[in-house]
């Protein structure tokens, strides 16, 4: 992830600084990379506990179909396919609908202490081009009663770094392959909505913009 070129600042949404970079116009399918940052008035213990306890509810979606709305989030099912260890597992998301949308991803969680004693939490999720998705010669298997589409690219990462006993810095990065420029704009809006919702749960009515 670190080898991606720097993204550009485009403005702020409800206190979140938003940086965005899009793929070249000559790319066969557009991609978008967004970074959002904010300082929250919340202890790292609270942010960590709530984020881990409400994993399914507060887990980012790495790829969403065109026309999908955040109001449909409760319909997305999460499946644990393999637990590698306490900090790493292979999972899958399924979006029901006329076109059933799937992807398999690897999730890693890490907590560590910085040299100055401050704590940090990191979460990363990466779409895996799984064996099941490779069985189809195309991304969409139209011979099924309900066509199935497999997303094969996408990732997200979030770090929460302790500033002091009541404040944390949050950095959220996400990249996805999209089907059009319009689709890319929609997913960026969805990512911002996800973070605002996460903030409302983790630090309701207590925040500092940065």
Protein backbone atom coordinates (compact mmCIF):
# COMPACT_ATOMS: atom_id res chain seq x y z
CA UNK A 1 0.00 0.00 0.00
CA UNK A 2 2.84 2.39 0.77
CA UNK A 3 4.03 2.31 -2.88
CA UNK A 4 0.85 3.99 -4.14
CA UNK A 5 1.39 7.62 -5.21
CA UNK A 6 0.27 10.35 -2.79
CA UNK A 7 -3.39 11.24 -2.91
CA UNK A 8 -4.58 14.83 -3.17
CA UNK A 9 -6.56 16.89 -0.70
CA UNK A 10 -10.03 17.72 -2.06
CA UNK A 11 -11.79 19.15 1.00
CA UNK A 12 -13.45 18.20 4.27
CA UNK A 13 -16.63 16.26 5.09
CA UNK A 14 -17.99 16.73 8.61
CA UNK A 15 -14.50 17.36 9.92
CA UNK A 16 -12.84 14.53 7.99
CA UNK A 17 -9.99 15.68 5.73
CA UNK A 18 -10.46 13.93 2.39
CA UNK A 19 -7.65 13.07 -0.03
CA UNK A 20 -8.35 11.34 -3.33
CA UNK A 21 -6.54 10.03 -6.37
CA UNK A 22 -8.09 8.39 -9.42
CA UNK A 23 -6.54 6.15 -12.05
CA UNK A 24 -5.50 7.40 -15.46
CA UNK A 25 -8.31 8.06 -17.91
CA UNK A 26 -6.66 5.51 -20.21
CA UNK A 27 -7.17 2.66 -17.73
CA UNK A 28 -9.61 -0.04 -18.88
CA UNK A 29 -11.50 0.19 -15.58
CA UNK A 30 -11.17 3.21 -13.30
CA UNK A 31 -9.94 2.91 -9.74
CA UNK A 32 -10.12 5.31 -6.84
CA UNK A 33 -7.92 5.69 -3.77
CA UNK A 34 -9.15 7.78 -0.85
CA UNK A 35 -7.60 8.71 2.48
CA UNK A 36 -9.62 10.33 5.28
CA UNK A 37 -8.11 11.67 8.50
CA UNK A 38 -9.49 13.18 11.67
CA UNK A 39 -8.64 13.77 15.33
CA UNK A 40 -11.36 12.46 17.66
CA UNK A 41 -12.05 13.21 21.29
CA UNK A 42 -12.12 9.58 22.41
CA UNK A 43 -9.78 7.30 24.33
CA UNK A 44 -7.99 4.61 22.35
CA UNK A 45 -9.36 2.02 24.78
CA UNK A 46 -12.93 2.99 23.90
CA UNK A 47 -12.25 3.17 20.15
CA UNK A 48 -10.54 -0.23 20.21
CA UNK A 49 -13.17 -1.96 22.34
CA UNK A 50 -16.16 -0.74 20.33
CA UNK A 51 -14.50 -1.34 16.94
CA UNK A 52 -13.55 -4.93 17.81
CA UNK A 53 -16.76 -5.82 19.66
CA UNK A 54 -18.94 -4.59 16.78
CA UNK A 55 -16.77 -6.10 14.05
CA UNK A 56 -19.53 -7.05 11.59
CA UNK A 57 -21.42 -3.82 12.12
CA UNK A 58 -18.37 -1.57 11.82
CA UNK A 59 -16.33 -3.47 9.23
CA UNK A 60 -15.67 -1.57 5.96
CA UNK A 61 -17.07 -2.94 2.71
CA UNK A 62 -14.26 -3.31 0.20
CA UNK A 63 -16.33 -3.35 -2.99
CA UNK A 64 -19.97 -2.51 -3.66
CA UNK A 65 -22.08 -2.96 -6.80
CA UNK A 66 -23.44 -0.07 -8.81
CA UNK A 67 -26.68 1.23 -7.34
CA UNK A 68 -25.92 -0.12 -3.88
CA UNK A 69 -26.94 2.07 -0.93
CA UNK A 70 -25.64 2.21 2.64
CA UNK A 71 -29.25 1.59 3.70
CA UNK A 72 -28.73 -1.98 2.41
CA UNK A 73 -25.82 -2.63 4.81
CA UNK A 74 -27.89 -4.92 7.13
CA UNK A 75 -28.56 -7.25 4.17
CA UNK A 76 -24.85 -7.92 3.59
CA UNK A 77 -23.84 -11.27 5.09
CA UNK A 78 -20.40 -11.99 6.55
CA UNK A 79 -18.88 -15.48 6.56
CA UNK A 80 -15.74 -16.57 8.41
CA UNK A 81 -14.00 -19.04 6.09
CA UNK A 82 -10.79 -19.67 8.05
CA UNK A 83 -9.32 -18.40 11.31
CA UNK A 84 -5.56 -18.27 10.84
CA UNK A 85 -4.99 -16.97 14.38
CA UNK A 86 -6.52 -14.48 16.80
CA UNK A 87 -5.36 -11.54 14.66
CA UNK A 88 -5.89 -12.91 11.14
CA UNK A 89 -8.77 -14.59 9.34
CA UNK A 90 -10.20 -15.20 5.87
CA UNK A 91 -13.75 -13.95 5.42
CA UNK A 92 -16.35 -13.29 2.72
CA UNK A 93 -19.02 -10.68 2.10
CA UNK A 94 -22.17 -11.45 0.08
CA UNK A 95 -24.57 -8.83 -1.29
CA UNK A 96 -27.97 -10.33 -2.20
CA UNK A 97 -29.96 -9.02 -5.14
CA UNK A 98 -30.76 -9.67 -8.81
CA UNK A 99 -26.98 -9.86 -9.24
CA UNK A 100 -25.42 -11.60 -6.24
CA UNK A 101 -22.13 -9.87 -5.41
CA UNK A 102 -19.30 -11.67 -3.58
CA UNK A 103 -15.73 -11.16 -2.50
CA UNK A 104 -13.31 -13.02 -0.24
CA UNK A 105 -10.87 -11.05 1.89
CA UNK A 106 -8.06 -11.40 4.40
CA UNK A 107 -8.46 -9.39 7.59
CA UNK A 108 -5.61 -8.57 9.98
CA UNK A 109 -5.80 -6.75 13.31
CA UNK A 110 -2.76 -5.55 15.26
CA UNK A 111 -2.23 -3.57 18.45
CA UNK A 112 1.14 -2.25 19.54
CA UNK A 113 2.89 0.34 21.69
CA UNK A 114 4.96 3.15 20.20
CA UNK A 115 8.44 4.01 21.58
CA UNK A 116 6.98 6.92 23.55
CA UNK A 117 4.41 4.65 25.22
CA UNK A 118 1.36 5.66 23.18
CA UNK A 119 -0.85 2.86 21.86
CA UNK A 120 -1.91 2.14 18.30
CA UNK A 121 -4.51 -0.08 16.63
CA UNK A 122 -4.32 -1.16 13.01
CA UNK A 123 -6.83 -3.02 10.82
CA UNK A 124 -6.24 -4.10 7.23
CA UNK A 125 -8.51 -5.88 4.76
CA UNK A 126 -7.49 -7.14 1.33
CA UNK A 127 -9.66 -8.79 -1.33
CA UNK A 128 -8.34 -12.22 -2.33
CA UNK A 129 -8.72 -13.53 -5.88
CA UNK A 130 -9.99 -16.84 -4.51
CA UNK A 131 -10.05 -20.26 -6.15
CA UNK A 132 -13.84 -20.09 -6.38
CA UNK A 133 -13.79 -16.77 -8.21
CA UNK A 134 -11.13 -18.04 -10.63
CA UNK A 135 -13.32 -20.99 -11.68
CA UNK A 136 -15.25 -18.61 -13.87
CA UNK A 137 -13.59 -17.31 -17.03
CA UNK A 138 -15.48 -14.04 -16.58
CA UNK A 139 -16.32 -11.90 -13.59
CA UNK A 140 -20.04 -12.64 -13.94
CA UNK A 141 -21.41 -16.20 -14.03
CA UNK A 142 -24.58 -15.70 -16.05
CA UNK A 143 -25.60 -19.37 -16.16
CA UNK A 144 -26.70 -19.24 -12.52
CA UNK A 145 -30.41 -18.70 -11.69
CA UNK A 146 -29.23 -15.48 -10.04
CA UNK A 147 -26.06 -14.22 -11.75
CA UNK A 148 -23.01 -14.00 -9.49
CA UNK A 149 -20.28 -11.37 -9.71
CA UNK A 150 -16.94 -11.76 -7.92
CA UNK A 151 -14.95 -8.68 -6.95
CA UNK A 152 -11.25 -9.52 -7.23
CA UNK A 153 -9.55 -6.28 -6.17
CA UNK A 154 -9.83 -3.84 -3.28
CA UNK A 155 -8.37 -3.04 0.10
CA UNK A 156 -8.88 -0.86 3.16
CA UNK A 157 -6.80 0.00 6.21
CA UNK A 158 -7.41 2.05 9.32
CA UNK A 159 -5.04 3.12 12.07
CA UNK A 160 -6.08 4.64 15.38
CA UNK A 161 -3.19 6.29 17.22
CA UNK A 162 -3.35 7.55 20.79
CA UNK A 163 -2.55 11.26 21.15
CA UNK A 164 -3.31 11.48 24.86
CA UNK A 165 -5.74 9.94 27.36
CA UNK A 166 -8.80 11.42 25.64
CA UNK A 167 -7.76 11.94 22.01
CA UNK A 168 -6.88 9.75 19.02
CA UNK A 169 -5.82 10.34 15.43
CA UNK A 170 -7.63 8.23 12.82
CA UNK A 171 -6.28 7.54 9.33
CA UNK A 172 -8.50 5.60 6.92
CA UNK A 173 -7.29 4.43 3.51
CA UNK A 174 -9.32 2.61 0.87
CA UNK A 175 -8.81 1.61 -2.76
CA UNK A 176 -11.24 -0.03 -5.16
CA UNK A 177 -11.61 -0.92 -8.81
CA UNK A 178 -14.80 0.62 -10.21
CA UNK A 179 -16.95 0.14 -13.28
CA UNK A 180 -17.20 3.81 -14.24
CA UNK A 181 -16.36 7.32 -13.08
CA UNK A 182 -19.89 7.59 -11.64
CA UNK A 183 -19.43 4.33 -9.74
CA UNK A 184 -16.14 5.67 -8.31
CA UNK A 185 -17.88 8.83 -7.08
CA UNK A 186 -20.58 6.73 -5.42
CA UNK A 187 -18.14 4.50 -3.54
CA UNK A 188 -16.19 7.50 -2.25
CA UNK A 189 -19.43 8.93 -0.83
CA UNK A 190 -20.21 5.54 0.74
CA UNK A 191 -16.78 5.37 2.41
CA UNK A 192 -17.28 8.82 3.89
CA UNK A 193 -20.74 7.83 5.16
CA UNK A 194 -19.26 4.70 6.73
CA UNK A 195 -16.66 6.73 8.64
CA UNK A 196 -19.19 9.28 9.87
CA UNK A 197 -21.35 6.40 11.14
CA UNK A 198 -18.32 4.77 12.79
CA UNK A 199 -17.50 8.08 14.50
CA UNK A 200 -21.07 8.49 15.77
CA UNK A 201 -20.85 5.07 17.44
CA UNK A 202 -17.32 5.35 18.81
CA UNK A 203 -17.34 9.01 19.84
CA UNK A 204 -20.92 10.34 19.82
CA UNK A 205 -21.17 14.13 20.10
CA UNK A 206 -17.54 14.37 21.25
CA UNK A 207 -15.13 15.27 18.50
CA UNK A 208 -12.46 17.71 17.43
CA UNK A 209 -12.03 18.45 13.74
CA UNK A 210 -8.58 18.54 12.31
